[in-house]
Amino acid sequence: MTTAVVVTTRDGDTVRMFQGVDGPLYRACNGNRCVNCCDLVIALEHLKVWRQKL
């Protein structure tokens, strides 16, 4: 499995893409919260919602 940073926001949030045999998996992280997503758009939406709740 390979990994690459896809997005880093100015607030320090990150979305990493893990490339596996079954396709890509995106991991969105904000501070100590992380979630795995099957789509980059969904991962970015998680970051957006987390920022709005702060």
PDB file of N, CA and C in Angstrom:
ATOM      1  N   MET A   1       0.854  -1.169   0.000  1.00  0.00           N
ATOM      2  CA  MET A   1       0.000   0.000   0.000  1.00  0.00           C
ATOM      3  C   MET A   1       0.901   1.234   0.000  1.00  0.00           C
ATOM      4  N   THR A   2       0.630   2.164  -0.888  1.00  0.00           N
ATOM      5  CA  THR A   2       1.379   3.413  -0.945  1.00  0.00           C
ATOM      6  C   THR A   2       0.503   4.546  -0.417  1.00  0.00           C
ATOM      7  N   THR A   3       1.159   5.619   0.030  1.00  0.00           N
ATOM      8  CA  THR A   3       0.424   6.747   0.576  1.00  0.00           C
ATOM      9  C   THR A   3       0.941   8.048  -0.018  1.00  0.00           C
ATOM     10  N   ALA A   4       0.070   9.027  -0.095  1.00  0.00           N
ATOM     11  CA  ALA A   4       0.440  10.351  -0.582  1.00  0.00           C
ATOM     12  C   ALA A   4      -0.460  11.381   0.081  1.00  0.00           C
ATOM     13  N   VAL A   5       0.102  12.549   0.403  1.00  0.00           N
ATOM     14  CA  VAL A   5      -0.708  13.643   0.928  1.00  0.00           C
ATOM     15  C   VAL A   5      -1.390  14.311  -0.252  1.00  0.00           C
ATOM     16  N   VAL A   6      -2.702  14.371  -0.227  1.00  0.00           N
ATOM     17  CA  VAL A   6      -3.463  14.963  -1.311  1.00  0.00           C
ATOM     18  C   VAL A   6      -3.756  16.425  -1.014  1.00  0.00           C
ATOM     19  N   VAL A   7      -4.179  16.707   0.218  1.00  0.00           N
ATOM     20  CA  VAL A   7      -4.575  18.059   0.597  1.00  0.00           C
ATOM     21  C   VAL A   7      -4.042  18.361   1.996  1.00  0.00           C
ATOM     22  N   THR A   8      -3.486  19.555   2.165  1.00  0.00           N
ATOM     23  CA  THR A   8      -3.174  20.093   3.482  1.00  0.00           C
ATOM     24  C   THR A   8      -3.755  21.497   3.526  1.00  0.00           C
ATOM     25  N   THR A   9      -4.658  21.743   4.482  1.00  0.00           N
ATOM     26  CA  THR A   9      -5.292  23.049   4.576  1.00  0.00           C
ATOM     27  C   THR A   9      -4.426  24.004   5.382  1.00  0.00           C
ATOM     28  N   ARG A  10      -4.754  25.278   5.341  1.00  0.00           N
ATOM     29  CA  ARG A  10      -3.993  26.268   6.098  1.00  0.00           C
ATOM     30  C   ARG A  10      -4.186  26.106   7.602  1.00  0.00           C
ATOM     31  N   ASP A  11      -5.234  25.382   8.002  1.00  0.00           N
ATOM     32  CA  ASP A  11      -5.476  25.092   9.419  1.00  0.00           C
ATOM     33  C   ASP A  11      -4.721  23.857   9.892  1.00  0.00           C
ATOM     34  N   GLY A  12      -4.030  23.182   8.991  1.00  0.00           N
ATOM     35  CA  GLY A  12      -3.260  21.997   9.349  1.00  0.00           C
ATOM     36  C   GLY A  12      -3.989  20.686   9.159  1.00  0.00           C
ATOM     37  N   ASP A  13      -5.198  20.727   8.642  1.00  0.00           N
ATOM     38  CA  ASP A  13      -5.948  19.498   8.363  1.00  0.00           C
ATOM     39  C   ASP A  13      -5.325  18.808   7.150  1.00  0.00           C
ATOM     40  N   THR A  14      -5.407  17.482   7.121  1.00  0.00           N
ATOM     41  CA  THR A  14      -4.822  16.751   6.003  1.00  0.00           C
ATOM     42  C   THR A  14      -5.784  15.696   5.474  1.00  0.00           C
ATOM     43  N   VAL A  15      -5.630  15.417   4.206  1.00  0.00           N
ATOM     44  CA  VAL A  15      -6.281  14.272   3.573  1.00  0.00           C
ATOM     45  C   VAL A  15      -5.173  13.485   2.900  1.00  0.00           C
ATOM     46  N   ARG A  16      -5.034  12.244   3.297  1.00  0.00           N
ATOM     47  CA  ARG A  16      -4.041  11.347   2.696  1.00  0.00           C
ATOM     48  C   ARG A  16      -4.747  10.302   1.862  1.00  0.00           C
ATOM     49  N   MET A  17      -4.116   9.931   0.755  1.00  0.00           N
ATOM     50  CA  MET A  17      -4.660   8.884  -0.107  1.00  0.00           C
ATOM     51  C   MET A  17      -3.787   7.648   0.045  1.00  0.00           C
ATOM     52  N   PHE A  18      -4.413   6.533   0.335  1.00  0.00           N
ATOM     53  CA  PHE A  18      -3.732   5.250   0.393  1.00  0.00           C
ATOM     54  C   PHE A  18      -4.163   4.455  -0.819  1.00  0.00           C
ATOM     55  N   GLN A  19      -3.198   4.011  -1.618  1.00  0.00           N
ATOM     56  CA  GLN A  19      -3.498   3.249  -2.823  1.00  0.00           C
ATOM     57  C   GLN A  19      -3.277   1.777  -2.527  1.00  0.00           C
ATOM     58  N   GLY A  20      -4.333   1.005  -2.587  1.00  0.00           N
ATOM     59  CA  GLY A  20      -4.255  -0.427  -2.334  1.00  0.00           C
ATOM     60  C   GLY A  20      -4.681  -1.220  -3.553  1.00  0.00           C
ATOM     61  N   VAL A  21      -4.796  -2.506  -3.363  1.00  0.00           N
ATOM     62  CA  VAL A  21      -5.198  -3.392  -4.452  1.00  0.00           C
ATOM     63  C   VAL A  21      -6.625  -3.098  -4.894  1.00  0.00           C
ATOM     64  N   ASP A  22      -7.497  -2.755  -3.947  1.00  0.00           N
ATOM     65  CA  ASP A  22      -8.903  -2.507  -4.257  1.00  0.00           C
ATOM     66  C   ASP A  22      -9.188  -1.075  -4.688  1.00  0.00           C
ATOM     67  N   GLY A  23      -8.170  -0.224  -4.780  1.00  0.00           N
ATOM     68  CA  GLY A  23      -8.366   1.158  -5.184  1.00  0.00           C
ATOM     69  C   GLY A  23      -7.983   2.114  -4.072  1.00  0.00           C
ATOM     70  N   PRO A  24      -8.242   3.400  -4.267  1.00  0.00           N
ATOM     71  CA  PRO A  24      -7.816   4.395  -3.283  1.00  0.00           C
ATOM     72  C   PRO A  24      -8.732   4.447  -2.061  1.00  0.00           C
ATOM     73  N   LEU A  25      -8.129   4.839  -0.931  1.00  0.00           N
ATOM     74  CA  LEU A  25      -8.840   5.095   0.313  1.00  0.00           C
ATOM     75  C   LEU A  25      -8.319   6.428   0.837  1.00  0.00           C
ATOM     76  N   TYR A  26      -9.211   7.312   1.212  1.00  0.00           N
ATOM     77  CA  TYR A  26      -8.830   8.646   1.669  1.00  0.00           C
ATOM     78  C   TYR A  26      -9.041   8.744   3.171  1.00  0.00           C
ATOM     79  N   ARG A  27      -8.051   9.308   3.885  1.00  0.00           N
ATOM     80  CA  ARG A  27      -8.117   9.474   5.335  1.00  0.00           C
ATOM     81  C   ARG A  27      -8.036  10.964   5.648  1.00  0.00           C
ATOM     82  N   ALA A  28      -9.128  11.519   6.160  1.00  0.00           N
ATOM     83  CA  ALA A  28      -9.196  12.931   6.534  1.00  0.00           C
ATOM     84  C   ALA A  28      -8.894  13.047   8.026  1.00  0.00           C
ATOM     85  N   CYS A  29      -7.981  13.958   8.392  1.00  0.00           N
ATOM     86  CA  CYS A  29      -7.609  14.151   9.795  1.00  0.00           C
ATOM     87  C   CYS A  29      -7.671  15.622  10.159  1.00  0.00           C
ATOM     88  N   ASN A  30      -8.257  15.872  11.333  1.00  0.00           N
ATOM     89  CA  ASN A  30      -8.371  17.209  11.894  1.00  0.00           C
ATOM     90  C   ASN A  30      -8.010  17.079  13.367  1.00  0.00           C
ATOM     91  N   GLY A  31      -6.801  17.513  13.707  1.00  0.00           N
ATOM     92  CA  GLY A  31      -6.351  17.354  15.087  1.00  0.00           C
ATOM     93  C   GLY A  31      -6.227  15.885  15.423  1.00  0.00           C
ATOM     94  N   ASN A  32      -6.978  15.424  16.422  1.00  0.00           N
ATOM     95  CA  ASN A  32      -6.919  14.013  16.808  1.00  0.00           C
ATOM     96  C   ASN A  32      -8.093  13.211  16.241  1.00  0.00           C
ATOM     97  N   ARG A  33      -8.877  13.811  15.349  1.00  0.00           N
ATOM     98  CA  ARG A  33     -10.004  13.122  14.715  1.00  0.00           C
ATOM     99  C   ARG A  33      -9.626  12.703  13.306  1.00  0.00           C
ATOM    100  N   CYS A  34      -9.901  11.458  12.968  1.00  0.00           N
ATOM    101  CA  CYS A  34      -9.637  10.958  11.619  1.00  0.00           C
ATOM    102  C   CYS A  34     -10.803  10.080  11.172  1.00  0.00           C
ATOM    103  N   VAL A  35     -11.024  10.067   9.868  1.00  0.00           N
ATOM    104  CA  VAL A  35     -12.072   9.224   9.302  1.00  0.00           C
ATOM    105  C   VAL A  35     -11.596   8.717   7.943  1.00  0.00           C
ATOM    106  N   ASN A  36     -11.936   7.472   7.626  1.00  0.00           N
ATOM    107  CA  ASN A  36     -11.610   6.887   6.330  1.00  0.00           C
ATOM    108  C   ASN A  36     -12.796   7.064   5.396  1.00  0.00           C
ATOM    109  N   CYS A  37     -12.503   7.479   4.162  1.00  0.00           N
ATOM    110  CA  CYS A  37     -13.544   7.730   3.162  1.00  0.00           C
ATOM    111  C   CYS A  37     -13.152   7.076   1.847  1.00  0.00           C
ATOM    112  N   CYS A  38     -14.144   6.764   1.051  1.00  0.00           N
ATOM    113  CA  CYS A  38     -13.870   6.150  -0.256  1.00  0.00           C
ATOM    114  C   CYS A  38     -13.731   7.188  -1.361  1.00  0.00           C
ATOM    115  N   ASP A  39     -13.956   8.475  -1.041  1.00  0.00           N
ATOM    116  CA  ASP A  39     -13.963   9.531  -2.047  1.00  0.00           C
ATOM    117  C   ASP A  39     -13.304  10.787  -1.480  1.00  0.00           C
ATOM    118  N   LEU A  40     -12.542  11.500  -2.297  1.00  0.00           N
ATOM    119  CA  LEU A  40     -11.876  12.729  -1.865  1.00  0.00           C
ATOM    120  C   LEU A  40     -12.888  13.808  -1.491  1.00  0.00           C
ATOM    121  N   VAL A  41     -13.971  13.913  -2.221  1.00  0.00           N
ATOM    122  CA  VAL A  41     -14.986  14.934  -1.949  1.00  0.00           C
ATOM    123  C   VAL A  41     -15.612  14.712  -0.572  1.00  0.00           C
ATOM    124  N   ILE A  42     -15.889  13.476  -0.234  1.00  0.00           N
ATOM    125  CA  ILE A  42     -16.468  13.164   1.073  1.00  0.00           C
ATOM    126  C   ILE A  42     -15.467  13.484   2.180  1.00  0.00           C
ATOM    127  N   ALA A  43     -14.200  13.185   1.968  1.00  0.00           N
ATOM    128  CA  ALA A  43     -13.174  13.486   2.960  1.00  0.00           C
ATOM    129  C   ALA A  43     -13.077  14.990   3.204  1.00  0.00           C
ATOM    130  N   LEU A  44     -13.135  15.780   2.150  1.00  0.00           N
ATOM    131  CA  LEU A  44     -13.088  17.235   2.294  1.00  0.00           C
ATOM    132  C   LEU A  44     -14.327  17.770   2.998  1.00  0.00           C
ATOM    133  N   GLU A  45     -15.469  17.145   2.774  1.00  0.00           N
ATOM    134  CA  GLU A  45     -16.698  17.556   3.463  1.00  0.00           C
ATOM    135  C   GLU A  45     -16.605  17.293   4.964  1.00  0.00           C
ATOM    136  N   HIS A  46     -15.980  16.182   5.342  1.00  0.00           N
ATOM    137  CA  HIS A  46     -15.773  15.912   6.765  1.00  0.00           C
ATOM    138  C   HIS A  46     -14.951  17.032   7.405  1.00  0.00           C
ATOM    139  N   LEU A  47     -13.896  17.455   6.745  1.00  0.00           N
ATOM    140  CA  LEU A  47     -13.066  18.544   7.280  1.00  0.00           C
ATOM    141  C   LEU A  47     -13.884  19.824   7.408  1.00  0.00           C
ATOM    142  N   LYS A  48     -14.713  20.085   6.430  1.00  0.00           N
ATOM    143  CA  LYS A  48     -15.555  21.297   6.435  1.00  0.00           C
ATOM    144  C   LYS A  48     -16.530  21.270   7.618  1.00  0.00           C
ATOM    145  N   VAL A  49     -17.166  20.139   7.839  1.00  0.00           N
ATOM    146  CA  VAL A  49     -18.134  20.019   8.939  1.00  0.00           C
ATOM    147  C   VAL A  49     -17.416  20.161  10.284  1.00  0.00           C
ATOM    148  N   TRP A  50     -16.253  19.529  10.422  1.00  0.00           N
ATOM    149  CA  TRP A  50     -15.499  19.640  11.675  1.00  0.00           C
ATOM    150  C   TRP A  50     -15.105  21.080  11.958  1.00  0.00           C
ATOM    151  N   ARG A  51     -14.712  21.824  10.944  1.00  0.00           N
ATOM    152  CA  ARG A  51     -14.329  23.223  11.122  1.00  0.00           C
ATOM    153  C   ARG A  51     -15.536  24.090  11.525  1.00  0.00           C
ATOM    154  N   GLN A  52     -16.708  23.794  10.984  1.00  0.00           N
ATOM    155  CA  GLN A  52     -17.899  24.564  11.315  1.00  0.00           C
ATOM    156  C   GLN A  52     -18.337  24.319  12.754  1.00  0.00           C
ATOM    157  N   LYS A  53     -18.077  23.140  13.298  1.00  0.00           N
ATOM    158  CA  LYS A  53     -18.479  22.813  14.662  1.00  0.00           C
ATOM    159  C   LYS A  53     -17.534  23.398  15.704  1.00  0.00           C
ATOM    160  N   LEU A  54     -16.347  23.849  15.288  1.00  0.00           N
ATOM    161  CA  LEU A  54     -15.397  24.407  16.268  1.00  0.00           C
ATOM    162  C   LEU A  54     -15.779  25.780  16.607  1.00  0.00           C
TER     163      LEU A  54
END
